[in-house]
Amino acid sequence: MIKVSEHAKKKVIELMTDDGYDPNTDFVRVGVKSGGCSGLSYDLKFDKTQLEDDKVFEVNDVKIIVDKKSFLYLIGTTLEYSGGLNGSGFVFNNPNANRTCGCGESFSL
């Protein structure tokens, strides 16, 4: 399962609405792809379509979809939002990551 912090929930709903998505029916697609300075990087986007092999979660009123392959890397991850002076954006707190890069956008197992 992937968790969503309260702050991330508010930002997701705000951004989805701004981009023309409906937070009540549309999804946040979370995934992992090759790349980044640590080998794997996170992918986050809004989506209106659930695919056959997707895992679906509704956490803290946010509908999340994850493909099967990415799910193995993301089990137990918490999606958070940081709005500090060093920049703002979504942060993945992944207990499976052995190493992360300085920017927090990539990781390795």
C-alpha atoms as a PDB file:
ATOM      1  CA  MET A   1       0.000   0.000   0.000  1.00  0.00           C
ATOM      2  CA  ILE A   2       1.056   3.589  -0.621  1.00  0.00           C
ATOM      3  CA  LYS A   3       0.170   6.223   1.961  1.00  0.00           C
ATOM      4  CA  VAL A   4      -0.614   9.896   1.360  1.00  0.00           C
ATOM      5  CA  SER A   5       0.096  12.550   3.983  1.00  0.00           C
ATOM      6  CA  GLU A   6      -2.532  15.185   4.762  1.00  0.00           C
ATOM      7  CA  HIS A   7      -0.393  17.951   3.213  1.00  0.00           C
ATOM      8  CA  ALA A   8       0.138  15.889   0.029  1.00  0.00           C
ATOM      9  CA  LYS A   9      -3.597  15.188  -0.171  1.00  0.00           C
ATOM     10  CA  LYS A  10      -4.422  18.902  -0.145  1.00  0.00           C
ATOM     11  CA  LYS A  11      -1.822  19.641  -2.833  1.00  0.00           C
ATOM     12  CA  VAL A  12      -2.940  16.720  -5.022  1.00  0.00           C
ATOM     13  CA  ILE A  13      -6.554  17.880  -4.912  1.00  0.00           C
ATOM     14  CA  GLU A  14      -5.513  21.466  -5.679  1.00  0.00           C
ATOM     15  CA  LEU A  15      -3.292  20.472  -8.622  1.00  0.00           C
ATOM     16  CA  MET A  16      -5.779  17.975 -10.044  1.00  0.00           C
ATOM     17  CA  THR A  17      -8.507  20.606 -10.020  1.00  0.00           C
ATOM     18  CA  ASP A  18      -6.198  23.201 -11.597  1.00  0.00           C
ATOM     19  CA  ASP A  19      -5.298  20.727 -14.384  1.00  0.00           C
ATOM     20  CA  GLY A  20      -8.929  19.827 -15.156  1.00  0.00           C
ATOM     21  CA  TYR A  21      -9.031  16.487 -13.345  1.00  0.00           C
ATOM     22  CA  ASP A  22     -11.741  15.471 -10.886  1.00  0.00           C
ATOM     23  CA  PRO A  23     -10.199  14.255  -7.596  1.00  0.00           C
ATOM     24  CA  ASN A  24     -13.381  12.265  -6.906  1.00  0.00           C
ATOM     25  CA  THR A  25     -13.130  10.119 -10.045  1.00  0.00           C
ATOM     26  CA  ASP A  26      -9.625  10.515 -11.524  1.00  0.00           C
ATOM     27  CA  PHE A  27      -6.352   9.043 -10.294  1.00  0.00           C
ATOM     28  CA  VAL A  28      -2.828   9.864  -9.281  1.00  0.00           C
ATOM     29  CA  ARG A  29      -0.586   7.438 -11.168  1.00  0.00           C
ATOM     30  CA  VAL A  30       2.577   6.622  -9.250  1.00  0.00           C
ATOM     31  CA  GLY A  31       5.365   4.615 -10.831  1.00  0.00           C
ATOM     32  CA  VAL A  32       9.045   3.829 -11.023  1.00  0.00           C
ATOM     33  CA  LYS A  33      11.196   4.107 -14.131  1.00  0.00           C
ATOM     34  CA  SER A  34      14.854   3.615 -14.967  1.00  0.00           C
ATOM     35  CA  GLY A  35      16.983   6.712 -14.689  1.00  0.00           C
ATOM     36  CA  GLY A  36      18.174   9.305 -12.260  1.00  0.00           C
ATOM     37  CA  CYS A  37      21.515   9.457 -10.500  1.00  0.00           C
ATOM     38  CA  SER A  38      20.687   6.507  -8.220  1.00  0.00           C
ATOM     39  CA  GLY A  39      19.341   4.159 -10.910  1.00  0.00           C
ATOM     40  CA  LEU A  40      15.558   4.413 -10.491  1.00  0.00           C
ATOM     41  CA  SER A  41      13.337   7.478 -10.425  1.00  0.00           C
ATOM     42  CA  TYR A  42       9.788   8.169  -9.342  1.00  0.00           C
ATOM     43  CA  ASP A  43       7.056   9.047 -11.811  1.00  0.00           C
ATOM     44  CA  LEU A  44       3.936  10.912 -10.725  1.00  0.00           C
ATOM     45  CA  LYS A  45       1.118  12.111 -12.980  1.00  0.00           C
ATOM     46  CA  PHE A  46      -2.644  12.418 -13.126  1.00  0.00           C
ATOM     47  CA  ASP A  47      -4.664   9.890 -15.096  1.00  0.00           C
ATOM     48  CA  LYS A  48      -8.280   9.274 -16.003  1.00  0.00           C
ATOM     49  CA  THR A  49      -7.809   5.631 -17.015  1.00  0.00           C
ATOM     50  CA  GLN A  50      -7.194   2.531 -14.932  1.00  0.00           C
ATOM     51  CA  LEU A  51      -5.397  -0.251 -16.812  1.00  0.00           C
ATOM     52  CA  GLU A  52      -6.066  -3.947 -16.324  1.00  0.00           C
ATOM     53  CA  ASP A  53      -2.863  -4.678 -14.372  1.00  0.00           C
ATOM     54  CA  ASP A  54      -3.017  -1.583 -12.154  1.00  0.00           C
ATOM     55  CA  LYS A  55      -3.281  -1.821  -8.389  1.00  0.00           C
ATOM     56  CA  VAL A  56      -5.757   0.718  -7.030  1.00  0.00           C
ATOM     57  CA  PHE A  57      -5.773   2.329  -3.589  1.00  0.00           C
ATOM     58  CA  GLU A  58      -7.931   5.007  -2.077  1.00  0.00           C
ATOM     59  CA  VAL A  59      -5.909   6.604   0.683  1.00  0.00           C
ATOM     60  CA  ASN A  60      -6.852   9.766   2.531  1.00  0.00           C
ATOM     61  CA  ASP A  61      -9.479  10.517  -0.178  1.00  0.00           C
ATOM     62  CA  VAL A  62      -6.869  10.234  -2.962  1.00  0.00           C
ATOM     63  CA  LYS A  63      -7.261   7.546  -5.622  1.00  0.00           C
ATOM     64  CA  ILE A  64      -3.845   6.096  -6.476  1.00  0.00           C
ATOM     65  CA  ILE A  65      -3.023   3.664  -9.270  1.00  0.00           C
ATOM     66  CA  VAL A  66       0.277   1.811  -9.601  1.00  0.00           C
ATOM     67  CA  ASP A  67       1.364  -0.684 -12.248  1.00  0.00           C
ATOM     68  CA  LYS A  68       2.361  -4.133 -10.918  1.00  0.00           C
ATOM     69  CA  LYS A  69       6.081  -3.720 -11.577  1.00  0.00           C
ATOM     70  CA  SER A  70       6.321  -0.348  -9.832  1.00  0.00           C
ATOM     71  CA  PHE A  71       4.252  -1.573  -6.904  1.00  0.00           C
ATOM     72  CA  LEU A  72       7.030  -3.970  -5.875  1.00  0.00           C
ATOM     73  CA  TYR A  73       9.385  -0.991  -5.428  1.00  0.00           C
ATOM     74  CA  LEU A  74       6.827   1.223  -3.705  1.00  0.00           C
ATOM     75  CA  ILE A  75       5.284  -1.000  -1.011  1.00  0.00           C
ATOM     76  CA  GLY A  76       5.044   1.013   2.195  1.00  0.00           C
ATOM     77  CA  THR A  77       5.960   4.338   0.575  1.00  0.00           C
ATOM     78  CA  THR A  78       4.411   7.568   1.838  1.00  0.00           C
ATOM     79  CA  LEU A  79       3.745  10.396  -0.586  1.00  0.00           C
ATOM     80  CA  GLU A  80       4.393  13.724   1.096  1.00  0.00           C
ATOM     81  CA  TYR A  81       4.564  17.323  -0.052  1.00  0.00           C
ATOM     82  CA  SER A  82       7.331  19.706   0.900  1.00  0.00           C
ATOM     83  CA  GLY A  83       6.945  23.428   0.421  1.00  0.00           C
ATOM     84  CA  GLY A  84      10.141  24.681   2.043  1.00  0.00           C
ATOM     85  CA  LEU A  85      12.701  27.283   1.096  1.00  0.00           C
ATOM     86  CA  ASN A  86      14.830  24.701  -0.740  1.00  0.00           C
ATOM     87  CA  GLY A  87      12.031  24.133  -3.219  1.00  0.00           C
ATOM     88  CA  SER A  88       8.621  22.592  -3.231  1.00  0.00           C
ATOM     89  CA  GLY A  89       7.285  19.358  -4.591  1.00  0.00           C
ATOM     90  CA  PHE A  90       6.189  15.857  -3.821  1.00  0.00           C
ATOM     91  CA  VAL A  91       8.521  13.667  -1.812  1.00  0.00           C
ATOM     92  CA  PHE A  92       8.507   9.863  -1.699  1.00  0.00           C
ATOM     93  CA  ASN A  93       9.461   8.399   1.672  1.00  0.00           C
ATOM     94  CA  ASN A  94      10.296   4.880   0.543  1.00  0.00           C
ATOM     95  CA  PRO A  95      11.359   2.375   3.231  1.00  0.00           C
ATOM     96  CA  ASN A  96      12.653   0.029   0.489  1.00  0.00           C
ATOM     97  CA  ALA A  97      15.263   2.479  -0.813  1.00  0.00           C
ATOM     98  CA  ASN A  98      18.832   1.698   0.251  1.00  0.00           C
ATOM     99  CA  ARG A  99      20.212   4.868  -1.297  1.00  0.00           C
ATOM    100  CA  THR A 100      18.659   8.098  -2.546  1.00  0.00           C
ATOM    101  CA  CYS A 101      20.129  11.012  -4.425  1.00  0.00           C
ATOM    102  CA  GLY A 102      20.458  14.500  -2.993  1.00  0.00           C
ATOM    103  CA  CYS A 103      17.355  15.792  -4.763  1.00  0.00           C
ATOM    104  CA  GLY A 104      15.228  12.870  -3.549  1.00  0.00           C
ATOM    105  CA  GLU A 105      13.903  12.086  -7.024  1.00  0.00           C
ATOM    106  CA  SER A 106      15.813   8.863  -7.546  1.00  0.00           C
ATOM    107  CA  PHE A 107      16.755   5.828  -5.505  1.00  0.00           C
ATOM    108  CA  SER A 108      18.231   2.354  -5.579  1.00  0.00           C
ATOM    109  CA  LEU A 109      17.402  -0.868  -3.775  1.00  0.00           C
END
